[in-house]
Amino acid sequence: TIGIYSSMISASMSNLIGASRILYALAKDDLFGILLAPAKKTSCGENPWVAVLLSWVLAQLVLFVGKLNTIAPIVTIFFLLVYAAVDISCLALEWASAPNFRPTFRYFTWYTCLLGVIGCLVMMFLINSIYASDRKS
């Protein structure tokens, strides 16, 4: 159980720091104007501490919305959508024969990309078909 808890804390902290870096980049590029202006502040070591706090507050608000079992399928489907998007982009690069696309995975073919996309879509529908299809019922 100690390993599970330390793994959970490590994953949570890395996601929090990763999300805050993305929030900082969005604020720095002025993509949302004055809405994210406070997230531009950094410490002396260029760490976006305000973005970390905003990310933490946003995560707490999501957790206060409901039970974790309600939120988990939605988060899982979002992760699967990201994996499917990466597979689709690799598939497009492979089919386009892009000269700068040189995957180092020994067993990489366009079949593995297609298998990854299909696997992600199947898992999304197995986890929750209503969330995966955006069907309201």
N, C-alpha and C. Protein backbone atom coordinates (compact mmCIF):
# COMPACT_ATOMS: atom_id res chain seq x y z
N THR A 1 0.81 -1.21 0.00
CA THR A 1 0.00 0.00 0.00
C THR A 1 0.86 1.27 0.00
N ILE A 2 2.04 1.20 0.59
CA ILE A 2 2.91 2.38 0.58
C ILE A 2 3.32 2.71 -0.85
N GLY A 3 3.58 1.67 -1.65
CA GLY A 3 3.95 1.89 -3.05
C GLY A 3 2.82 2.51 -3.84
N ILE A 4 1.60 2.09 -3.56
CA ILE A 4 0.44 2.64 -4.26
C ILE A 4 0.27 4.11 -3.91
N TYR A 5 0.38 4.44 -2.63
CA TYR A 5 0.22 5.83 -2.22
C TYR A 5 1.33 6.71 -2.76
N SER A 6 2.56 6.24 -2.72
CA SER A 6 3.66 7.06 -3.24
C SER A 6 3.56 7.20 -4.76
N SER A 7 3.10 6.17 -5.44
CA SER A 7 2.89 6.26 -6.88
C SER A 7 1.78 7.25 -7.19
N MET A 8 0.71 7.23 -6.40
CA MET A 8 -0.41 8.14 -6.60
C MET A 8 0.03 9.59 -6.37
N ILE A 9 0.79 9.82 -5.32
CA ILE A 9 1.26 11.18 -5.02
C ILE A 9 2.21 11.67 -6.11
N SER A 10 3.09 10.80 -6.57
CA SER A 10 4.03 11.16 -7.62
C SER A 10 3.29 11.52 -8.92
N ALA A 11 2.31 10.71 -9.30
CA ALA A 11 1.54 10.98 -10.51
C ALA A 11 0.73 12.26 -10.37
N SER A 12 0.15 12.47 -9.20
CA SER A 12 -0.64 13.69 -8.97
C SER A 12 0.23 14.94 -9.05
N MET A 13 1.39 14.89 -8.42
CA MET A 13 2.28 16.05 -8.44
C MET A 13 2.81 16.33 -9.84
N SER A 14 3.15 15.28 -10.59
CA SER A 14 3.66 15.51 -11.94
C SER A 14 2.56 16.06 -12.84
N ASN A 15 1.33 15.60 -12.68
CA ASN A 15 0.22 16.16 -13.45
C ASN A 15 -0.06 17.60 -13.06
N LEU A 16 0.04 17.92 -11.78
CA LEU A 16 -0.18 19.28 -11.33
C LEU A 16 0.88 20.23 -11.88
N ILE A 17 2.12 19.81 -11.83
CA ILE A 17 3.20 20.66 -12.36
C ILE A 17 3.11 20.76 -13.87
N GLY A 18 2.79 19.65 -14.55
CA GLY A 18 2.64 19.70 -16.01
C GLY A 18 1.49 20.60 -16.43
N ALA A 19 0.37 20.51 -15.73
CA ALA A 19 -0.78 21.36 -16.05
C ALA A 19 -0.45 22.83 -15.80
N SER A 20 0.30 23.11 -14.74
CA SER A 20 0.62 24.51 -14.45
C SER A 20 1.57 25.08 -15.50
N ARG A 21 2.46 24.25 -16.03
CA ARG A 21 3.36 24.73 -17.10
C ARG A 21 2.58 25.05 -18.37
N ILE A 22 1.58 24.24 -18.67
CA ILE A 22 0.73 24.52 -19.83
C ILE A 22 -0.08 25.78 -19.59
N LEU A 23 -0.61 25.95 -18.39
CA LEU A 23 -1.36 27.15 -18.05
C LEU A 23 -0.47 28.39 -18.14
N TYR A 24 0.77 28.27 -17.69
CA TYR A 24 1.74 29.37 -17.79
C TYR A 24 2.03 29.71 -19.24
N ALA A 25 2.19 28.69 -20.08
CA ALA A 25 2.45 28.94 -21.51
C ALA A 25 1.27 29.61 -22.18
N LEU A 26 0.05 29.21 -21.81
CA LEU A 26 -1.14 29.85 -22.36
C LEU A 26 -1.22 31.31 -21.93
N ALA A 27 -0.88 31.57 -20.68
CA ALA A 27 -0.91 32.95 -20.18
C ALA A 27 0.19 33.78 -20.82
N LYS A 28 1.36 33.20 -20.98
CA LYS A 28 2.50 33.93 -21.56
C LYS A 28 2.24 34.31 -23.02
N ASP A 29 1.51 33.46 -23.74
CA ASP A 29 1.18 33.74 -25.14
C ASP A 29 -0.06 34.61 -25.29
N ASP A 30 -0.67 35.02 -24.18
CA ASP A 30 -1.87 35.87 -24.18
C ASP A 30 -3.02 35.28 -24.99
N LEU A 31 -3.19 33.98 -24.90
CA LEU A 31 -4.27 33.33 -25.64
C LEU A 31 -5.65 33.61 -25.04
N PHE A 32 -5.70 33.84 -23.74
CA PHE A 32 -6.97 34.12 -23.10
C PHE A 32 -7.02 35.53 -22.51
N GLY A 33 -6.10 36.39 -22.94
CA GLY A 33 -6.11 37.79 -22.53
C GLY A 33 -5.92 37.98 -21.05
N ILE A 34 -6.74 38.84 -20.48
CA ILE A 34 -6.60 39.22 -19.08
C ILE A 34 -7.05 38.11 -18.12
N LEU A 35 -7.79 37.14 -18.63
CA LEU A 35 -8.29 36.06 -17.79
C LEU A 35 -7.16 35.28 -17.12
N LEU A 36 -6.09 35.03 -17.86
CA LEU A 36 -4.96 34.26 -17.31
C LEU A 36 -3.75 35.14 -17.01
N ALA A 37 -3.92 36.43 -16.98
CA ALA A 37 -2.79 37.33 -16.73
C ALA A 37 -2.05 37.03 -15.42
N PRO A 38 -2.74 36.70 -14.33
CA PRO A 38 -1.98 36.41 -13.10
C PRO A 38 -1.08 35.18 -13.22
N ALA A 39 -1.40 34.27 -14.12
CA ALA A 39 -0.61 33.03 -14.25
C ALA A 39 0.75 33.29 -14.89
N LYS A 40 1.02 34.52 -15.32
CA LYS A 40 2.32 34.85 -15.91
C LYS A 40 3.40 35.03 -14.86
N LYS A 41 3.01 35.23 -13.60
CA LYS A 41 3.99 35.51 -12.55
C LYS A 41 4.83 34.28 -12.25
N THR A 42 6.12 34.51 -12.10
CA THR A 42 7.05 33.42 -11.78
C THR A 42 7.92 33.83 -10.60
N SER A 43 8.60 32.84 -10.03
CA SER A 43 9.54 33.11 -8.95
C SER A 43 10.89 33.47 -9.55
N CYS A 44 11.87 33.64 -8.69
CA CYS A 44 13.23 33.98 -9.16
C CYS A 44 13.81 32.88 -10.06
N GLY A 45 13.43 31.65 -9.81
CA GLY A 45 13.93 30.53 -10.61
C GLY A 45 13.06 30.22 -11.81
N GLU A 46 12.20 31.15 -12.20
CA GLU A 46 11.29 31.00 -13.35
C GLU A 46 10.27 29.88 -13.16
N ASN A 47 9.89 29.60 -11.92
CA ASN A 47 8.84 28.63 -11.65
C ASN A 47 7.50 29.36 -11.57
N PRO A 48 6.51 28.92 -12.35
CA PRO A 48 5.21 29.62 -12.38
C PRO A 48 4.35 29.27 -11.17
N TRP A 49 4.64 29.87 -10.04
CA TRP A 49 3.97 29.51 -8.79
C TRP A 49 2.49 29.89 -8.80
N VAL A 50 2.13 30.98 -9.47
CA VAL A 50 0.71 31.36 -9.53
C VAL A 50 -0.06 30.35 -10.38
N ALA A 51 0.55 29.89 -11.46
CA ALA A 51 -0.10 28.88 -12.31
C ALA A 51 -0.27 27.57 -11.55
N VAL A 52 0.69 27.22 -10.69
CA VAL A 52 0.56 26.02 -9.87
C VAL A 52 -0.62 26.17 -8.91
N LEU A 53 -0.74 27.34 -8.29
CA LEU A 53 -1.87 27.57 -7.38
C LEU A 53 -3.20 27.54 -8.11
N LEU A 54 -3.25 28.16 -9.30
CA LEU A 54 -4.49 28.14 -10.08
C LEU A 54 -4.86 26.72 -10.51
N SER A 55 -3.87 25.94 -10.89
CA SER A 55 -4.12 24.54 -11.27
C SER A 55 -4.63 23.75 -10.08
N TRP A 56 -4.03 23.99 -8.91
CA TRP A 56 -4.47 23.29 -7.70
C TRP A 56 -5.91 23.65 -7.35
N VAL A 57 -6.24 24.94 -7.42
CA VAL A 57 -7.60 25.39 -7.12
C VAL A 57 -8.59 24.78 -8.10
N LEU A 58 -8.24 24.76 -9.38
CA LEU A 58 -9.12 24.16 -10.38
C LEU A 58 -9.31 22.67 -10.12
N ALA A 59 -8.26 21.96 -9.75
CA ALA A 59 -8.38 20.53 -9.43
C ALA A 59 -9.26 20.32 -8.20
N GLN A 60 -9.13 21.19 -7.20
CA GLN A 60 -9.96 21.07 -6.00
C GLN A 60 -11.43 21.34 -6.33
N LEU A 61 -11.70 22.31 -7.19
CA LEU A 61 -13.08 22.59 -7.58
C LEU A 61 -13.70 21.41 -8.30
N VAL A 62 -12.93 20.78 -9.16
CA VAL A 62 -13.44 19.60 -9.87
C VAL A 62 -13.72 18.47 -8.88
N LEU A 63 -12.84 18.29 -7.91
CA LEU A 63 -13.05 17.22 -6.91
C LEU A 63 -14.24 17.51 -6.00
N PHE A 64 -14.50 18.79 -5.73
CA PHE A 64 -15.63 19.14 -4.88
C PHE A 64 -16.96 19.01 -5.60
N VAL A 65 -16.94 18.91 -6.92
CA VAL A 65 -18.17 18.80 -7.70
C VAL A 65 -18.92 17.51 -7.36
N GLY A 66 -18.20 16.44 -7.21
CA GLY A 66 -18.88 15.18 -6.94
C GLY A 66 -17.92 14.11 -6.49
N LYS A 67 -18.39 12.91 -6.58
CA LYS A 67 -17.58 11.76 -6.18
C LYS A 67 -16.46 11.52 -7.19
N LEU A 68 -15.37 10.97 -6.72
CA LEU A 68 -14.24 10.67 -7.59
C LEU A 68 -14.62 9.59 -8.62
N ASN A 69 -15.52 8.69 -8.25
CA ASN A 69 -15.97 7.66 -9.18
C ASN A 69 -16.79 8.24 -10.32
N THR A 70 -17.34 9.42 -10.14
CA THR A 70 -18.06 10.08 -11.21
C THR A 70 -17.09 10.76 -12.17
N ILE A 71 -16.01 11.30 -11.64
CA ILE A 71 -15.04 12.04 -12.44
C ILE A 71 -14.07 11.11 -13.17
N ALA A 72 -13.75 9.97 -12.59
CA ALA A 72 -12.72 9.07 -13.14
C ALA A 72 -13.00 8.62 -14.57
N PRO A 73 -14.23 8.22 -14.93
CA PRO A 73 -14.44 7.82 -16.33
C PRO A 73 -14.25 8.96 -17.32
N ILE A 74 -14.61 10.16 -16.92
CA ILE A 74 -14.44 11.31 -17.81
C ILE A 74 -12.96 11.58 -18.05
N VAL A 75 -12.18 11.57 -16.98
CA VAL A 75 -10.74 11.79 -17.11
C VAL A 75 -10.09 10.69 -17.94
N THR A 76 -10.52 9.45 -17.72
CA THR A 76 -9.97 8.33 -18.47
C THR A 76 -10.28 8.47 -19.95
N ILE A 77 -11.48 8.89 -20.28
CA ILE A 77 -11.85 9.07 -21.69
C ILE A 77 -11.04 10.20 -22.30
N PHE A 78 -10.78 11.26 -21.55
CA PHE A 78 -9.94 12.34 -22.09
C PHE A 78 -8.52 11.85 -22.38
N PHE A 79 -7.96 11.04 -21.47
CA PHE A 79 -6.63 10.48 -21.72
C PHE A 79 -6.63 9.57 -22.94
N LEU A 80 -7.68 8.76 -23.08
CA LEU A 80 -7.76 7.89 -24.25
C LEU A 80 -7.91 8.70 -25.54
N LEU A 81 -8.61 9.82 -25.47
CA LEU A 81 -8.71 10.70 -26.65
C LEU A 81 -7.35 11.27 -27.02
N VAL A 82 -6.56 11.61 -26.03
CA VAL A 82 -5.21 12.12 -26.31
C VAL A 82 -4.35 11.03 -26.96
N TYR A 83 -4.42 9.81 -26.42
CA TYR A 83 -3.66 8.71 -27.00
C TYR A 83 -4.11 8.43 -28.43
N ALA A 84 -5.43 8.49 -28.67
CA ALA A 84 -5.95 8.26 -30.02
C ALA A 84 -5.48 9.36 -30.96
N ALA A 85 -5.44 10.61 -30.48
CA ALA A 85 -4.97 11.72 -31.32
C ALA A 85 -3.50 11.54 -31.69
N VAL A 86 -2.69 11.08 -30.74
CA VAL A 86 -1.28 10.82 -31.04
C VAL A 86 -1.16 9.70 -32.07
N ASP A 87 -1.96 8.64 -31.92
CA ASP A 87 -1.93 7.55 -32.89
C ASP A 87 -2.39 8.02 -34.26
N ILE A 88 -3.42 8.85 -34.32
CA ILE A 88 -3.89 9.36 -35.61
C ILE A 88 -2.84 10.24 -36.26
N SER A 89 -2.15 11.05 -35.47
CA SER A 89 -1.11 11.90 -36.06
C SER A 89 0.07 11.06 -36.55
N CYS A 90 0.45 10.02 -35.82
CA CYS A 90 1.51 9.12 -36.30
C CYS A 90 1.07 8.39 -37.56
N LEU A 91 -0.19 8.00 -37.60
CA LEU A 91 -0.72 7.33 -38.79
C LEU A 91 -0.70 8.26 -39.99
N ALA A 92 -1.08 9.51 -39.80
CA ALA A 92 -1.06 10.49 -40.89
C ALA A 92 0.36 10.75 -41.37
N LEU A 93 1.29 10.86 -40.44
CA LEU A 93 2.69 11.08 -40.83
C LEU A 93 3.25 9.87 -41.57
N GLU A 94 2.86 8.69 -41.14
CA GLU A 94 3.35 7.48 -41.81
C GLU A 94 2.77 7.38 -43.22
N TRP A 95 1.48 7.64 -43.36
CA TRP A 95 0.85 7.55 -44.68
C TRP A 95 1.34 8.65 -45.62
N ALA A 96 1.68 9.81 -45.06
CA ALA A 96 2.17 10.91 -45.88
C ALA A 96 3.65 10.75 -46.23
N SER A 97 4.30 9.77 -45.63
CA SER A 97 5.74 9.53 -45.83
C SER A 97 6.56 10.77 -45.54
N ALA A 98 6.27 11.38 -44.41
CA ALA A 98 6.99 12.60 -44.00
C ALA A 98 8.46 12.26 -43.78
N PRO A 99 9.36 13.02 -44.39
CA PRO A 99 10.79 12.70 -44.26
C PRO A 99 11.34 12.93 -42.86
N ASN A 100 10.73 13.79 -42.08
CA ASN A 100 11.24 14.06 -40.74
C ASN A 100 10.61 13.14 -39.68
N PHE A 101 9.76 12.22 -40.08
CA PHE A 101 9.12 11.28 -39.14
C PHE A 101 9.86 9.95 -39.21
N ARG A 102 10.69 9.71 -38.20
CA ARG A 102 11.47 8.47 -38.13
C ARG A 102 11.29 7.85 -36.75
N PRO A 103 10.23 7.05 -36.58
CA PRO A 103 10.00 6.44 -35.27
C PRO A 103 11.08 5.42 -34.93
N THR A 104 11.45 5.36 -33.66
CA THR A 104 12.50 4.45 -33.23
C THR A 104 11.94 3.14 -32.67
N PHE A 105 10.64 3.04 -32.53
CA PHE A 105 10.01 1.80 -32.03
C PHE A 105 10.21 0.70 -33.07
N ARG A 106 10.80 -0.39 -32.67
CA ARG A 106 11.20 -1.44 -33.61
C ARG A 106 10.02 -2.02 -34.37
N TYR A 107 8.88 -2.18 -33.72
CA TYR A 107 7.73 -2.83 -34.34
C TYR A 107 6.71 -1.82 -34.88
N PHE A 108 7.16 -0.60 -35.16
CA PHE A 108 6.24 0.43 -35.64
C PHE A 108 5.87 0.18 -37.09
N THR A 109 4.58 0.14 -37.36
CA THR A 109 4.02 0.17 -38.71
C THR A 109 2.73 0.96 -38.64
N TRP A 110 2.12 1.19 -39.76
CA TRP A 110 0.85 1.90 -39.71
C TRP A 110 -0.22 1.01 -39.09
N TYR A 111 0.01 -0.32 -39.09
CA TYR A 111 -0.94 -1.23 -38.44
C TYR A 111 -1.00 -0.98 -36.93
N THR A 112 0.16 -0.72 -36.33
CA THR A 112 0.15 -0.48 -34.88
C THR A 112 -0.56 0.83 -34.55
N CYS A 113 -0.43 1.82 -35.42
CA CYS A 113 -1.16 3.08 -35.20
C CYS A 113 -2.66 2.85 -35.27
N LEU A 114 -3.07 2.13 -36.30
CA LEU A 114 -4.49 1.85 -36.48
C LEU A 114 -5.02 0.99 -35.33
N LEU A 115 -4.23 0.03 -34.89
CA LEU A 115 -4.61 -0.79 -33.75
C LEU A 115 -4.76 0.05 -32.48
N GLY A 116 -3.86 1.04 -32.30
CA GLY A 116 -3.95 1.93 -31.15
C GLY A 116 -5.20 2.77 -31.18
N VAL A 117 -5.56 3.31 -32.34
CA VAL A 117 -6.77 4.13 -32.47
C VAL A 117 -8.01 3.28 -32.18
N ILE A 118 -8.06 2.11 -32.79
CA ILE A 118 -9.22 1.23 -32.57
C ILE A 118 -9.30 0.80 -31.11
N GLY A 119 -8.14 0.49 -30.51
CA GLY A 119 -8.13 0.09 -29.10
C GLY A 119 -8.62 1.20 -28.19
N CYS A 120 -8.20 2.43 -28.47
CA CYS A 120 -8.67 3.56 -27.66
C CYS A 120 -10.17 3.76 -27.80
N LEU A 121 -10.68 3.68 -29.03
CA LEU A 121 -12.11 3.86 -29.23
C LEU A 121 -12.92 2.76 -28.56
N VAL A 122 -12.47 1.52 -28.66
CA VAL A 122 -13.16 0.40 -28.02
C VAL A 122 -13.17 0.59 -26.50
N MET A 123 -12.02 0.95 -25.93
CA MET A 123 -11.95 1.13 -24.48
C MET A 123 -12.83 2.29 -24.02
N MET A 124 -12.90 3.36 -24.82
CA MET A 124 -13.78 4.48 -24.44
C MET A 124 -15.23 4.02 -24.35
N PHE A 125 -15.68 3.23 -25.31
CA PHE A 125 -17.06 2.75 -25.28
C PHE A 125 -17.28 1.69 -24.20
N LEU A 126 -16.25 0.94 -23.86
CA LEU A 126 -16.40 -0.02 -22.77
C LEU A 126 -16.45 0.68 -21.41
N ILE A 127 -15.72 1.78 -21.28
CA ILE A 127 -15.72 2.50 -20.00
C ILE A 127 -17.06 3.18 -19.78
N ASN A 128 -17.51 3.94 -20.77
CA ASN A 128 -18.81 4.60 -20.66
C ASN A 128 -19.24 5.03 -22.05
N SER A 129 -20.23 4.36 -22.58
CA SER A 129 -20.65 4.65 -23.95
C SER A 129 -21.33 6.00 -24.07
N ILE A 130 -21.96 6.48 -23.03
CA ILE A 130 -22.63 7.79 -23.10
C ILE A 130 -21.61 8.91 -23.19
N TYR A 131 -20.55 8.87 -22.37
CA TYR A 131 -19.51 9.88 -22.44
C TYR A 131 -18.74 9.80 -23.75
N ALA A 132 -18.49 8.59 -24.23
CA ALA A 132 -17.68 8.41 -25.43
C ALA A 132 -18.42 8.89 -26.67
N SER A 133 -19.73 8.74 -26.72
CA SER A 133 -20.47 9.13 -27.91
C SER A 133 -21.11 10.51 -27.79
N ASP A 134 -21.03 11.12 -26.62
CA ASP A 134 -21.64 12.42 -26.35
C ASP A 134 -23.14 12.37 -26.58
N ARG A 135 -23.73 11.23 -26.26
CA ARG A 135 -25.16 11.04 -26.40
C ARG A 135 -25.84 11.40 -25.09
N LYS A 136 -26.84 12.22 -25.14
CA LYS A 136 -27.58 12.62 -23.94
C LYS A 136 -28.81 11.73 -23.78
N SER A 137 -28.89 11.09 -22.62
CA SER A 137 -30.09 10.28 -22.40
C SER A 137 -30.55 10.37 -20.97
